[in-house]
Amino acid sequence: MSRVGKAPIQIPSNVNVTVNVGYVTAKGPKGELSQPIDQDFTVIVDNGVMTVNRPSESKQHKSLHGLYRSLLNNLVIGVGLGHTVTQELVGVGYKVSNQGNLVEFVLGYSHKILLQVPSEISVVTETVKGKSPSITMTCVDKQLLGQVAAKIRSFRKPEPYKGKGIRFAGEVLRKKAGKSASK
């Protein structure tokens, strides 16, 4: 049995979960989301605990069991608390600013990069003297948030020699040694 799939999901008191054929809907203080699931799977909500059960031991059902449990857990956490991602811009002259959901990056290229973030995501940029500029995004939908964060990171991935680039807060990079001179 899937270790992830069989773990129960605790539902906070401020979140309401509705199970229908083919999808699960959650409402909370942050918003409302729904997640489609395979009709073979059964989702049981009882006394503030949600469990996902698979119909058989087939390879297909085993592979989807943990996936659906994780997606539903992200759904419940998202509408209850929300998801947050913080990224840092490490490099000389790197800057970030925003006006609403239009984010402007200066990343050492000959041009500025403008990104229109979806309206579901709230963006806060911060520039403090002595620290790297950072961008903090908050959203109900973890998948959308991760997709936008990956897009931002792709503008200037962290390089392994000096560590310059856009990285997630708290991310540890493996640094490489540079060239060594030979005699």
Protein backbone atom coordinates (compact mmCIF):
# COMPACT_ATOMS: atom_id res chain seq x y z
CA MET A 1 0.00 0.00 0.00
CA SER A 2 1.19 3.51 -0.76
CA ARG A 3 2.65 5.16 2.32
CA VAL A 4 1.60 8.59 1.09
CA GLY A 5 -1.78 7.43 -0.18
CA LYS A 6 -2.91 5.77 3.02
CA ALA A 7 -2.05 8.77 5.25
CA PRO A 8 -5.20 10.59 6.41
CA ILE A 9 -5.73 14.28 5.61
CA GLN A 10 -6.69 16.47 8.57
CA ILE A 11 -9.35 19.02 7.59
CA PRO A 12 -9.26 22.29 9.59
CA SER A 13 -12.52 23.46 11.16
CA ASN A 14 -12.72 26.49 8.84
CA VAL A 15 -12.56 24.35 5.66
CA ASN A 16 -15.61 22.67 4.11
CA VAL A 17 -14.96 19.68 1.80
CA THR A 18 -17.56 18.33 -0.64
CA VAL A 19 -17.05 15.02 -2.47
CA ASN A 20 -18.83 14.54 -5.80
CA VAL A 21 -18.45 11.95 -8.56
CA GLY A 22 -15.22 12.75 -10.37
CA TYR A 23 -14.07 15.72 -8.28
CA VAL A 24 -13.58 17.09 -4.77
CA THR A 25 -14.34 20.72 -3.84
CA ALA A 26 -12.97 22.60 -0.83
CA LYS A 27 -14.11 25.99 0.49
CA GLY A 28 -12.21 27.97 3.06
CA PRO A 29 -11.34 31.49 4.18
CA LYS A 30 -8.79 31.91 1.35
CA GLY A 31 -11.10 30.79 -1.45
CA GLU A 32 -12.56 27.77 -3.23
CA LEU A 33 -10.81 25.09 -5.29
CA SER A 34 -11.82 21.83 -6.88
CA GLN A 35 -9.70 18.86 -7.94
CA PRO A 36 -10.79 16.26 -10.50
CA ILE A 37 -10.07 12.65 -9.50
CA ASP A 38 -10.54 9.27 -11.13
CA GLN A 39 -14.06 7.95 -10.56
CA ASP A 40 -12.68 4.57 -9.42
CA PHE A 41 -11.19 6.12 -6.26
CA THR A 42 -13.34 6.70 -3.18
CA VAL A 43 -12.81 9.73 -0.97
CA ILE A 44 -14.28 9.51 2.52
CA VAL A 45 -14.74 12.53 4.80
CA ASP A 46 -15.49 11.64 8.42
CA ASN A 47 -15.04 13.73 11.60
CA GLY A 48 -12.62 16.22 10.04
CA VAL A 49 -10.47 13.52 8.43
CA MET A 50 -10.35 12.73 4.71
CA THR A 51 -9.01 9.43 3.37
CA VAL A 52 -8.42 8.28 -0.20
CA ASN A 53 -9.01 4.60 -1.01
CA ARG A 54 -8.03 2.82 -4.21
CA PRO A 55 -10.25 0.17 -5.79
CA SER A 56 -7.61 -2.43 -6.65
CA GLU A 57 -3.93 -3.34 -6.44
CA SER A 58 -3.29 -2.69 -10.15
CA LYS A 59 -0.19 -0.74 -11.11
CA GLN A 60 -2.31 2.13 -12.46
CA HIS A 61 -4.28 2.51 -9.22
CA LYS A 62 -1.16 2.20 -7.07
CA SER A 63 0.58 4.95 -9.01
CA LEU A 64 -2.39 7.34 -8.72
CA HIS A 65 -3.15 6.66 -5.03
CA GLY A 66 -0.40 8.82 -3.54
CA LEU A 67 -0.83 11.45 -6.24
CA TYR A 68 -4.50 12.05 -5.46
CA ARG A 69 -3.83 12.13 -1.74
CA SER A 70 -1.12 14.79 -2.22
CA LEU A 71 -3.28 16.86 -4.57
CA LEU A 72 -6.20 16.79 -2.11
CA ASN A 73 -3.91 17.68 0.80
CA ASN A 74 -2.57 20.68 -1.16
CA LEU A 75 -6.19 21.64 -1.92
CA VAL A 76 -7.16 21.64 1.78
CA ILE A 77 -4.03 23.51 2.89
CA GLY A 78 -4.45 26.06 0.09
CA VAL A 79 -8.02 27.10 0.92
CA GLY A 80 -7.27 27.07 4.65
CA LEU A 81 -3.85 28.73 4.94
CA GLY A 82 -2.64 29.43 1.40
CA HIS A 83 0.74 28.59 -0.12
CA THR A 84 3.75 30.92 -0.12
CA VAL A 85 6.98 30.89 -2.16
CA THR A 86 9.90 33.26 -1.57
CA GLN A 87 12.69 33.69 -4.09
CA GLU A 88 15.94 35.66 -3.75
CA LEU A 89 17.87 37.43 -6.51
CA VAL A 90 21.57 36.93 -5.79
CA GLY A 91 23.93 39.00 -7.95
CA VAL A 92 25.39 42.47 -8.30
CA GLY A 93 22.84 44.87 -9.77
CA TYR A 94 19.94 42.39 -9.71
CA LYS A 95 16.66 44.15 -8.92
CA VAL A 96 12.97 43.32 -8.78
CA SER A 97 9.94 45.59 -8.47
CA ASN A 98 6.23 45.27 -9.04
CA GLN A 99 3.18 47.35 -9.78
CA GLY A 100 0.23 45.16 -8.93
CA ASN A 101 0.82 41.87 -10.74
CA LEU A 102 3.27 43.25 -13.30
CA VAL A 103 6.77 42.30 -12.09
CA GLU A 104 9.91 43.89 -13.53
CA PHE A 105 13.28 42.13 -13.25
CA VAL A 106 16.77 43.55 -13.86
CA LEU A 107 19.04 40.50 -14.09
CA GLY A 108 22.20 41.66 -15.85
CA TYR A 109 20.82 41.36 -19.37
CA SER A 110 20.75 44.30 -21.79
CA HIS A 111 17.00 44.60 -21.22
CA LYS A 112 14.49 44.44 -18.38
CA ILE A 113 12.23 41.41 -18.10
CA LEU A 114 8.52 42.05 -17.52
CA LEU A 115 6.25 39.28 -16.26
CA GLN A 116 2.49 39.52 -15.87
CA VAL A 117 1.67 37.24 -12.93
CA PRO A 118 -1.83 35.67 -12.90
CA SER A 119 -4.41 37.57 -10.86
CA GLU A 120 -4.85 34.65 -8.42
CA ILE A 121 -1.31 35.21 -7.09
CA SER A 122 -0.47 38.13 -4.81
CA VAL A 123 3.07 39.44 -5.25
CA VAL A 124 5.26 41.37 -2.80
CA THR A 125 8.77 42.50 -3.70
CA GLU A 126 11.29 43.61 -1.10
CA THR A 127 14.62 45.38 -1.41
CA VAL A 128 16.56 45.85 1.83
CA LYS A 129 20.04 47.37 1.94
CA GLY A 130 22.64 44.70 2.67
CA LYS A 131 20.34 41.82 1.61
CA SER A 132 19.45 40.28 -1.71
CA PRO A 133 16.23 41.52 -3.32
CA SER A 134 13.38 39.06 -2.82
CA ILE A 135 9.98 38.29 -4.27
CA THR A 136 7.25 36.64 -2.19
CA MET A 137 4.20 35.13 -3.88
CA THR A 138 1.08 33.83 -2.15
CA CYS A 139 -1.70 31.79 -3.75
CA VAL A 140 -4.40 29.26 -2.99
CA ASP A 141 -3.40 26.95 -5.85
CA LYS A 142 -0.01 25.29 -5.22
CA GLN A 143 0.33 24.04 -8.80
CA LEU A 144 -0.11 27.51 -10.31
CA LEU A 145 2.25 29.03 -7.74
CA GLY A 146 4.95 26.45 -8.46
CA GLN A 147 4.61 26.97 -12.20
CA VAL A 148 5.06 30.75 -11.91
CA ALA A 149 7.99 30.32 -9.49
CA ALA A 150 9.70 27.95 -11.94
CA LYS A 151 9.15 30.46 -14.76
CA ILE A 152 10.77 33.22 -12.68
CA ARG A 153 13.70 30.97 -11.79
CA SER A 154 14.23 30.15 -15.48
CA PHE A 155 15.05 33.82 -16.21
CA ARG A 156 18.45 33.38 -14.48
CA LYS A 157 19.13 29.98 -12.93
CA PRO A 158 21.73 29.90 -10.13
CA GLU A 159 25.15 29.09 -11.52
CA PRO A 160 27.42 26.69 -9.59
CA TYR A 161 30.62 28.79 -9.45
CA LYS A 162 29.60 32.07 -7.82
CA GLY A 163 26.00 31.21 -6.91
CA LYS A 164 24.51 34.14 -8.84
CA GLY A 165 20.94 33.83 -10.05
CA ILE A 166 17.38 33.45 -8.79
CA ARG A 167 17.02 30.87 -6.04
CA PHE A 168 14.35 29.81 -3.57
CA ALA A 169 14.75 31.15 -0.03
CA GLY A 170 16.74 28.70 2.06
CA GLU A 171 17.94 26.73 -0.97
CA VAL A 172 21.44 25.33 -0.59
CA LEU A 173 23.52 25.24 -3.76
CA ARG A 174 26.48 22.96 -4.36
CA LYS A 175 29.36 25.13 -5.43
CA LYS A 176 32.08 23.93 -7.80
CA ALA A 177 35.74 24.80 -7.58
CA GLY A 178 37.01 26.99 -10.37
CA LYS A 179 39.90 26.21 -12.68
CA SER A 180 43.23 25.61 -11.04
CA ALA A 181 46.41 26.84 -12.69
CA SER A 182 48.89 24.17 -13.73
CA LYS A 183 52.65 24.48 -14.02
